[in-house]
Structures are given as structure tokens and as C-alpha cells.
Protein backbone atom coordinates (compact mmCIF):
# COMPACT_ATOMS: atom_id res chain seq x y z
CA MET A 1 0.02 0.03 -0.04
CA LYS A 2 1.39 3.35 -0.97
CA LYS A 3 1.54 6.35 1.26
CA GLY A 4 0.16 9.65 0.04
CA LYS A 5 2.17 12.79 -0.14
CA ASP A 6 0.13 14.41 2.62
CA PHE A 7 0.51 11.46 4.93
CA GLN A 8 1.75 12.33 8.48
CA ASN A 9 2.75 10.06 11.35
CA THR A 10 0.31 11.26 14.02
CA VAL A 11 1.99 9.31 16.71
CA LEU A 12 5.45 10.90 15.97
CA PHE A 13 4.10 14.42 15.60
CA GLY A 14 1.93 13.99 18.77
CA LYS A 15 5.03 13.15 20.77
CA LYS A 16 6.90 16.08 19.35
CA GLY A 17 4.04 18.44 20.21
CA THR A 18 3.75 17.07 23.79
CA GLU A 19 7.47 17.45 24.33
CA GLY A 20 7.38 20.99 23.00
CA LYS A 21 4.58 21.91 25.46
CA ARG A 22 6.59 20.37 28.34
CA PHE A 23 9.69 22.13 27.33
CA SER A 24 7.97 25.48 27.27
CA LYS A 25 6.20 24.89 30.70
CA PHE A 26 9.65 23.93 32.16
CA TRP A 27 11.13 27.18 31.14
CA VAL A 28 8.07 29.16 32.38
CA ARG A 29 8.53 27.55 35.69
CA VAL A 30 12.17 28.38 35.74
CA ALA A 31 11.43 31.95 34.96
CA LEU A 32 8.89 32.19 37.66
CA LEU A 33 11.13 30.76 40.20
CA PHE A 34 13.99 33.08 39.10
CA LEU A 35 11.56 36.08 39.41
CA PHE A 36 10.42 34.90 42.86
CA GLY A 37 13.96 34.51 43.88
CA ALA A 38 14.93 37.86 42.66
CA ILE A 39 11.97 39.54 44.46
CA LEU A 40 12.79 37.62 47.70
CA ALA A 41 16.45 38.62 47.42
CA GLY A 42 15.56 42.25 46.74
CA ALA A 43 13.15 42.38 49.70
CA LEU A 44 15.76 40.81 52.01
CA TYR A 45 18.31 43.24 50.77
CA PHE A 46 15.98 46.16 51.35
CA ILE A 47 15.02 44.84 54.92
CA MET A 48 18.74 44.36 55.75
CA ARG A 49 20.19 47.44 54.16
CA SER A 50 17.47 50.05 54.24
CA SER A 51 17.68 52.51 57.15
CA TRP A 52 13.91 52.44 57.35
CA PHE A 53 14.09 49.26 59.45
CA ASP A 54 16.88 50.49 61.79
CA VAL A 55 16.07 50.72 65.45
CA GLY A 56 16.16 54.28 66.63
CA SER A 57 16.57 53.63 70.33
CA VAL A 58 16.20 50.94 72.97
CA SER A 59 15.39 52.30 76.41
CA VAL A 60 14.84 50.58 79.82
CA GLU A 61 12.44 52.17 82.41
CA GLY A 62 12.02 51.23 86.01
CA ALA A 63 15.33 49.42 86.41
CA GLU A 64 17.08 50.36 89.71
CA LEU A 65 18.15 47.02 91.15
CA VAL A 66 19.46 45.54 87.83
CA PRO A 67 21.77 46.86 85.14
CA GLN A 68 19.94 48.11 82.10
CA GLU A 69 22.58 46.77 79.72
CA MET A 70 22.29 43.29 81.05
CA VAL A 71 18.50 43.41 80.88
CA VAL A 72 18.73 44.32 77.12
CA SER A 73 21.29 41.68 76.35
CA THR A 74 19.33 38.89 78.22
CA ILE A 75 16.18 39.86 76.26
CA GLU A 76 18.10 39.87 72.98
CA THR A 77 19.69 36.44 73.78
CA GLY A 78 16.27 35.01 74.50
CA ILE A 79 14.97 36.25 71.13
CA ILE A 80 18.04 34.88 69.19
CA GLY A 81 17.60 31.50 70.82
CA LYS A 82 13.92 31.38 69.88
CA SER A 83 14.14 32.22 66.18
CA ALA A 84 16.84 31.67 63.52
CA LEU A 85 15.28 34.48 61.38
CA ALA A 86 15.53 36.87 64.23
CA SER A 87 19.20 35.90 64.63
CA PHE A 88 19.63 36.62 60.95
CA LEU A 89 18.06 40.05 61.22
CA GLY A 90 19.94 41.16 64.32
CA PRO A 91 18.79 43.45 67.21
CA GLN A 92 19.59 46.61 65.19
CA ASN A 93 16.69 45.70 62.88
CA ILE A 94 13.35 46.67 64.34
CA LEU A 95 11.74 43.49 62.82
CA PHE A 96 13.99 41.45 65.18
CA TRP A 97 11.90 42.69 68.12
CA PHE A 98 8.66 41.49 66.80
CA PHE A 99 9.91 37.99 67.70
CA ALA A 100 10.25 39.01 71.40
CA ASP A 101 7.95 37.77 74.07
CA PRO A 102 5.98 40.96 75.10
CA ASN A 103 6.28 39.80 78.81
CA PRO A 104 9.54 37.80 79.01
CA ARG A 105 10.55 36.15 82.25
CA LEU A 106 14.15 37.21 83.35
CA LEU A 107 14.87 34.38 85.66
CA ARG A 108 18.56 35.44 86.09
CA PHE A 109 17.16 38.48 87.79
CA PRO A 110 15.09 37.53 90.87
CA GLN A 111 14.73 41.26 91.59
CA VAL A 112 12.47 41.62 88.52
CA ARG A 113 8.81 40.90 89.08
CA GLY A 114 7.62 41.53 85.54
CA VAL A 115 8.77 42.94 82.21
CA ASP A 116 6.77 44.66 79.32
CA VAL A 117 8.42 45.04 75.95
CA GLU A 118 6.67 47.77 73.83
CA ILE A 119 7.48 48.23 70.14
CA SER A 120 6.67 51.32 68.06
CA PHE A 121 7.31 50.52 64.42
CA TRP A 122 6.73 54.07 63.21
CA LYS A 123 8.85 55.78 65.91
CA LYS A 124 11.45 52.96 65.61
CA THR A 125 11.79 52.67 69.45
CA ILE A 126 11.82 49.82 71.84
CA VAL A 127 10.81 50.55 75.39
CA ILE A 128 11.46 47.83 78.04
CA ARG A 129 9.47 48.56 81.28
CA ILE A 130 10.69 46.64 84.36
CA ASP A 131 8.59 46.16 87.45
CA GLU A 132 11.00 45.42 90.29
CA ARG A 133 10.14 43.67 93.53
CA ARG A 134 9.94 45.81 96.58
CA ILE A 135 10.75 44.64 100.10
CA GLN A 136 7.58 44.05 102.15
CA SER A 137 9.21 41.78 104.79
CA VAL A 138 12.56 40.39 105.69
CA LEU A 139 13.59 36.74 106.28
CA CYS A 140 16.48 36.13 108.70
CA LYS A 141 18.13 32.65 108.94
CA SER A 142 19.26 32.08 112.53
CA VAL A 143 21.85 29.45 111.58
CA SER A 144 23.74 31.50 108.95
CA GLY A 145 22.82 34.97 110.20
CA ASN A 146 21.95 36.01 106.65
CA CYS A 147 18.84 38.15 106.03
CA TYR A 148 16.84 38.34 102.63
CA GLY A 149 14.22 40.75 101.34
CA LEU A 150 10.68 39.27 100.34
CA ASP A 151 8.22 40.99 98.20
CA GLN A 152 4.48 41.20 98.57
CA ASP A 153 4.13 37.71 97.10
CA GLY A 154 6.54 36.17 99.52
CA ILE A 155 9.32 35.73 96.94
CA ILE A 156 12.96 35.86 98.15
CA PHE A 157 14.72 38.13 95.90
CA THR A 158 17.75 39.89 97.50
CA LYS A 159 19.98 40.03 100.38
CA SER A 160 19.03 42.39 103.19
CA PRO A 161 20.49 43.91 106.35
CA GLU A 162 18.77 42.73 109.59
CA VAL A 163 15.86 44.83 110.62
CA ARG A 164 14.52 45.74 114.03
CA GLY A 165 11.27 47.18 115.21
CA ALA A 166 7.78 46.87 113.74
CA LEU A 167 7.99 48.97 110.62
CA ILE A 168 8.91 45.93 108.43
CA LEU A 169 7.71 42.43 109.20
CA LYS A 170 10.55 40.18 110.14
CA PHE A 171 10.51 36.36 109.67
CA GLU A 172 12.90 34.45 111.91
CA ASP A 173 13.80 31.07 110.48
CA GLU A 174 15.71 28.54 112.52
CA SER A 175 15.73 25.79 109.99
CA THR A 176 18.83 24.64 108.12
CA SER A 177 17.15 24.73 104.70
CA SER A 178 19.02 26.70 101.92
CA VAL A 179 17.76 29.89 100.53
CA VAL A 180 17.34 30.29 96.68
CA LEU A 181 16.75 33.64 95.33
CA GLY A 182 13.66 33.80 93.16
CA ASN A 183 11.77 31.11 95.06
CA PRO A 184 8.93 31.60 97.52
CA TYR A 185 9.61 31.53 101.12
CA LEU A 186 6.37 29.43 101.92
CA ARG A 187 5.46 26.70 99.51
CA ASP A 188 1.71 27.70 99.53
CA PRO A 189 1.04 31.32 98.60
CA GLN A 190 -2.21 31.24 100.67
CA TRP A 191 -0.13 30.86 103.82
CA LEU A 192 1.50 34.23 103.50
CA LYS A 193 -1.93 35.85 102.82
CA ASN A 194 -3.21 34.20 105.98
CA ILE A 195 -0.31 35.51 107.97
CA THR A 196 -0.65 39.03 106.53
CA ALA A 197 -4.41 39.17 107.12
CA THR A 198 -3.92 37.99 110.65
CA LEU A 199 -1.20 40.56 111.41
CA ASP A 200 -3.39 43.36 109.97
CA ILE A 201 -6.17 42.54 112.41
CA MET A 202 -3.77 42.31 115.25
CA LYS A 203 -2.18 45.72 114.39
CA GLN A 204 -5.62 47.34 114.37
CA ASP A 205 -6.02 46.37 118.05
CA GLY A 206 -2.47 47.42 119.11
CA PHE A 207 -0.92 44.00 118.99
CA ILE A 208 2.26 44.61 116.99
CA PRO A 209 4.76 41.75 117.03
CA GLN A 210 8.49 42.33 116.50
CA SER A 211 8.87 39.11 114.54
CA VAL A 212 7.27 36.17 112.99
CA ARG A 213 8.56 32.57 113.27
CA VAL A 214 7.72 29.54 111.10
CA ASP A 215 9.93 27.17 113.01
CA ASN A 216 9.02 24.04 111.05
CA ALA A 217 7.11 24.27 107.84
CA SER A 218 6.01 20.72 108.10
CA LEU A 219 4.03 21.48 111.16
CA GLU A 220 2.22 24.17 109.09
CA GLU A 221 1.94 26.75 111.93
CA TRP A 222 3.45 30.01 112.83
CA ARG A 223 3.83 32.30 115.87
CA ALA A 224 3.99 36.09 116.42
CA ILE A 225 6.68 37.10 118.94
CA PHE A 226 6.14 40.35 120.95
CA PRO A 227 8.92 42.42 122.72
CA SER A 228 7.82 40.95 126.06
CA GLU A 229 8.45 37.42 124.66
CA LEU A 230 4.71 36.77 124.53
CA ALA A 231 3.84 34.44 121.71
CA PHE A 232 0.69 33.98 119.69
CA TYR A 233 0.45 30.70 117.94
CA PHE A 234 -1.50 30.34 114.65
CA SER A 235 -2.06 27.78 111.93
CA LEU A 236 -0.97 28.63 108.47
CA HIS A 237 -4.27 27.39 107.06
CA PHE A 238 -6.81 29.88 108.37
CA VAL A 239 -7.24 33.28 109.97
CA PRO A 240 -9.18 32.80 113.31
CA GLU A 241 -12.71 33.93 113.27
CA ASN A 242 -13.68 36.99 115.16
CA LEU A 243 -9.99 37.55 116.00
CA GLY A 244 -10.57 41.37 116.42
CA SER A 245 -13.20 40.79 118.99
CA ILE A 246 -11.15 38.12 120.72
CA LEU A 247 -8.16 40.44 120.96
CA LYS A 248 -10.27 43.19 122.53
CA ASP A 249 -11.42 40.66 125.18
CA ILE A 250 -7.89 39.61 125.82
CA GLY A 251 -6.78 43.28 126.24
CA ASN A 252 -9.63 43.91 128.68
CA ARG A 253 -9.84 40.68 130.67
CA THR A 254 -6.30 39.44 131.00
CA ASP A 255 -2.98 40.68 132.31
CA ILE A 256 -0.88 40.05 129.23
CA LYS A 257 2.36 40.80 131.06
CA ASN A 258 2.06 37.57 133.16
CA LEU A 259 1.18 35.33 130.23
CA GLN A 260 3.59 33.29 127.99
CA TYR A 261 1.35 32.51 125.01
CA PHE A 262 -1.98 32.32 123.41
CA ASP A 263 -2.77 29.34 121.07
CA PHE A 264 -5.10 29.96 118.07
CA ARG A 265 -4.19 26.90 116.15
CA VAL A 266 -7.40 25.03 116.67
CA PRO A 267 -10.47 26.49 114.91
CA ASN A 268 -12.97 28.11 117.39
CA ARG A 269 -10.69 27.37 120.41
CA ILE A 270 -8.25 29.44 122.44
CA TYR A 271 -5.68 28.19 124.88
CA TYR A 272 -3.35 30.35 126.95
CA LYS A 273 -0.84 30.08 129.64
């Protein structure tokens, strides 16, 4: 059988047409990838080199007990450890600070209660506000003779000179346990609240102790010591009911100077000697 002049091998031409389309799609993809890479490289170059992303200033407010430079470097180190991209940008780039925790925990500084990082993109400023702990009471270890400052939450955060008098509450601790700055003195936060509430009631009625002792935390009790060596014993678990009225009766009906202690450790019971 003879083939006509216009005969074409459809299989062969079909393959060539398909290969041509694949070839053209390949180069389109290459061109798109090249274009995307060029745009990305240009954007990175602009971000890294343009002064528009430069940080104008980094300031620290409220830092009196900790060095400002160390606060900034500690936060920067935390950001770099958290993100590789942030490490690539560097702290001189304002986008670096968007990787920061707005409220980072500076565990190396027990004096710091809280941190707030505020970023102003348009002003190009970073403001780090420090909330430092303030001494509300003092813990003195009888064994070592060292004293430490406690904040309102009962956190031990700094060394302190020994205090005397009733202006600052003093905890006298006779245990041999070690002190770790940044840790709470009492393991249950409610215990400190109960002590504080009890002392507030006592002060209203003129009973102002010179110190407080938690001799053995396992017993979960404490005592208020007065200048005359009179002691009031309490449980760490509760504030005695009607304590104000009871103290008024004690002042009116008893000769406190001749007594050694009052025991409030049992609910709704009072023992004295």
C-alpha cells in the first residue's frame, strides 16, 4: 500500500508536540522561580540594608536594682535562641523585636517581678519597662545569720540587712534549709496571705509583734513574737474567726504581762498560759 504525499505520522508528531509543550512549561517555571527568587532577594536586601528598618533607640524604664545593659542583652539572647530568622536580622533591625515575648521572664534577675516590651514601628523605638520587686518583709536565717528581702508575694529576691522594730515584718527562720533567690519562702502562697491578714487584724487592736517565726514548715503553723516574749500561735491554714473581738477581750480581761502564749491553732478554740 502506498503512502500519500500528505501522509503524516500522527504518533510521532503527537509526541513532538507534547514534548514541546513540556519544554515550554519547564522554562516558564524556571522563569517564575527566578523572578520569585529575585523579588525575595531584593526584599531581604531592602530589609537588611534600608535605614527604614533601623532601630532608633532601645530604652529601659524602672530598672534600679538590675543593670539596664544586662536586661537588654538578656532579652536579645532570648529572642536569638527562639528564632533563626531573628538571629539573621539582628537586634539593630526593628523586625527582630517582633519575635520578642511581650512579657519575658528574666529568671536570672530575681529582683524583677515583671517585664513589658513595647515596640513602636513608626517611631522606631523599643521601650522595656521593668517592674521590680519591693521589700515588704525580711527573712533572717538564725543558723547563717543572713537576711533576705521578700516582696508582697513572699518571693525571696535579694539580700538584706537585719531589721529591728515593727515597721517591716521580720520572719525568723531557725531551719537549716538553703535559701534560693527567686523562690517563695512558703510553699503555699495562701499561707503568706493568712499571715498578713492575721497581722493586719492584730495591728488594728494594738498587738504589734516584733517578729514572726515559722519554725518548722512541716507543722504548718507560725507564731507572732512580741517584745515581752509573749507569743501568739496560729495555723498557716486559716485566719481565726472574730479575731478582732477576741483580741479586745484579751486586752480587757487578762494581764498580758504575766502570760507566756495564746494558742489559736485549733479552729474556734483558744488556749493560753
